[in-house]
């Protein structure tokens, strides 16, 4: 009997050979009320109650952040956590890794090597792994203006690999990693300070010598042998941003060229660079003609052979970017055909019926961007037909993504940030108006009894329309309820606002385009932002009766193609700039 008691005590204490689990030793320690046990006896991971539910913040992409519920607690290994994340968000196995945010280092992300580093409500980030076997390496030689392209394709690479792209710098001696599917898409809008490219070595030597001489005795350009190389490289750089630059953009480029190379300044010009503006305009025309012959779809769409018989003149029905679009008519992805992309479009019709499918929809919308733009730009179908063929295009998230593909800029965040920042400077100017406009503005200001951020934005937008001398009824139509909307065909482009009790039932907006209900359940400021996104996504023109309001939305709130504006928009911009208004970009 004494031996049995000794054996029982030995089994509770763990025995001499440690033949029981650490969890059992911990329970035995608690049972015997032992307090002085070592870390070897009771591991830390077992003391953290692994079965306690946990939650983590998961950053899948910059625009996609979700909450991950873990009912059984944080897994013991990184592989288990990766498996959970992969199944939850439908990621491709082996194509991503996890990082975690370390608060001890100011919130920097580090590679996750152990789940012991994670705590309740911590943040992890999904980092997609670039498949180098399908990357296209583009190298620009410093000694030549020609660009050599070397493709590295592996026979073992899977055709379903998700492409990745990276643009490393803006200098001419960069190595650019571009996606094989979307390598021809522009990734940047026109810069505020144009980067002058690196020319051929002999040209750079002439410019260096000329700049030194100009700084000493002011000797201007005397050799014209370097002009062809300079114009060719500048035309190539311009086309990286836009195909049809405006006069203001040509002026910005010419001024940047003179600042970097004073030797090129023209003594007979009123600003020293007017001749360069004219040279660049003619050079871009010749450069576009060369690319049109090579089959560039953005330029080939305007060839006379592609136009109908009554429109076969160079300036008739010219299809080009008119609102600062960076990717107006992109080419098809490499290796894709019209038939393969049409099949992806049909898949989107079924994907939209599924839940929690936003990532797959985004990937397929990205893949079909070129064929969708060709359909919208060349055929200009009615909005009702587009909504039937591309229903995912009319989702709020996809409107913002499509706008970003076209302009390379964010939509809603930039619109709201600039609107909020200019309200303090805008409202005093608006309130200074007199006559009938003053009466309308005072009536609108009564809405500020419900002083919320959405109401302040709505009041600012409505007062802005009146301040610009346009009728707000051309943009907004107020109805008591959705049942009183009436005839839809009469609304070409409007925002219908249903008003309720301001305290309990705020206004709800519906976007109508060509008599088709496009979006509903929005607040008025967000409806204005998404309406601008739809105008870009559907390649629509601004309504004539609202051209000033739309131009303000574009150039002041979205900061797209804001180098040159109409006199009315310029006047408003100067008033805001006079009060230290610094727009977000």
Foldseek 3Di string as FASTA:
>chain_A
DVVVVVVVVCVLCCHPVNPDDLLSVVVSCVVVVPDDDDCVSHPPVNVVQQQPKAKEWEAEDPVDIDIDTRNRHDDFFLVVVVVVVCVVQVDDPPFWFKWWFDVVVVRDTDGDGGCVSDDGHTYMYIGGHADVQQWKKWFADQQDRDIDTDGRHDPPDDPPDDHDFDQDDDERGDIGTATLFPRQFQQAAQDPQHDQYRFHPVLVVVLVVLQVVCVPPNAADDDPPCVVRRLVSVLVSVLSHFLDDDLLSLVSVQVNVCVVRVNHFDPVDPVRRPVVSVVNVVSSVVVLVVVCVVPFPQSVCQQLVNDDPVQSDNPRPDQGDDQQWRCQAHDGRPPDDPVNLLVLLVVLVVQVVDPSRVVVNVVNCVNNVNVLSCCLRNVVDDPVVCCVSRVVCLDLVNLQVNLCSTNVAGFPVLLLVLLVLLLVLQVVVLCPDDDPLNVVLVVLVVQCVLPDSLSSSVSSLCSVCSSLVFDCCLAEDEDQDPVPPPQLQVNQWYWYWHDDDVVPDHIKIWTHHNSDTRDTRDRDSVVVRSSLSVCSSSVHDDPPRCVLSSQCSSCRRVVRPNSDDDPSSVVSVVSSVVVVRDGDD
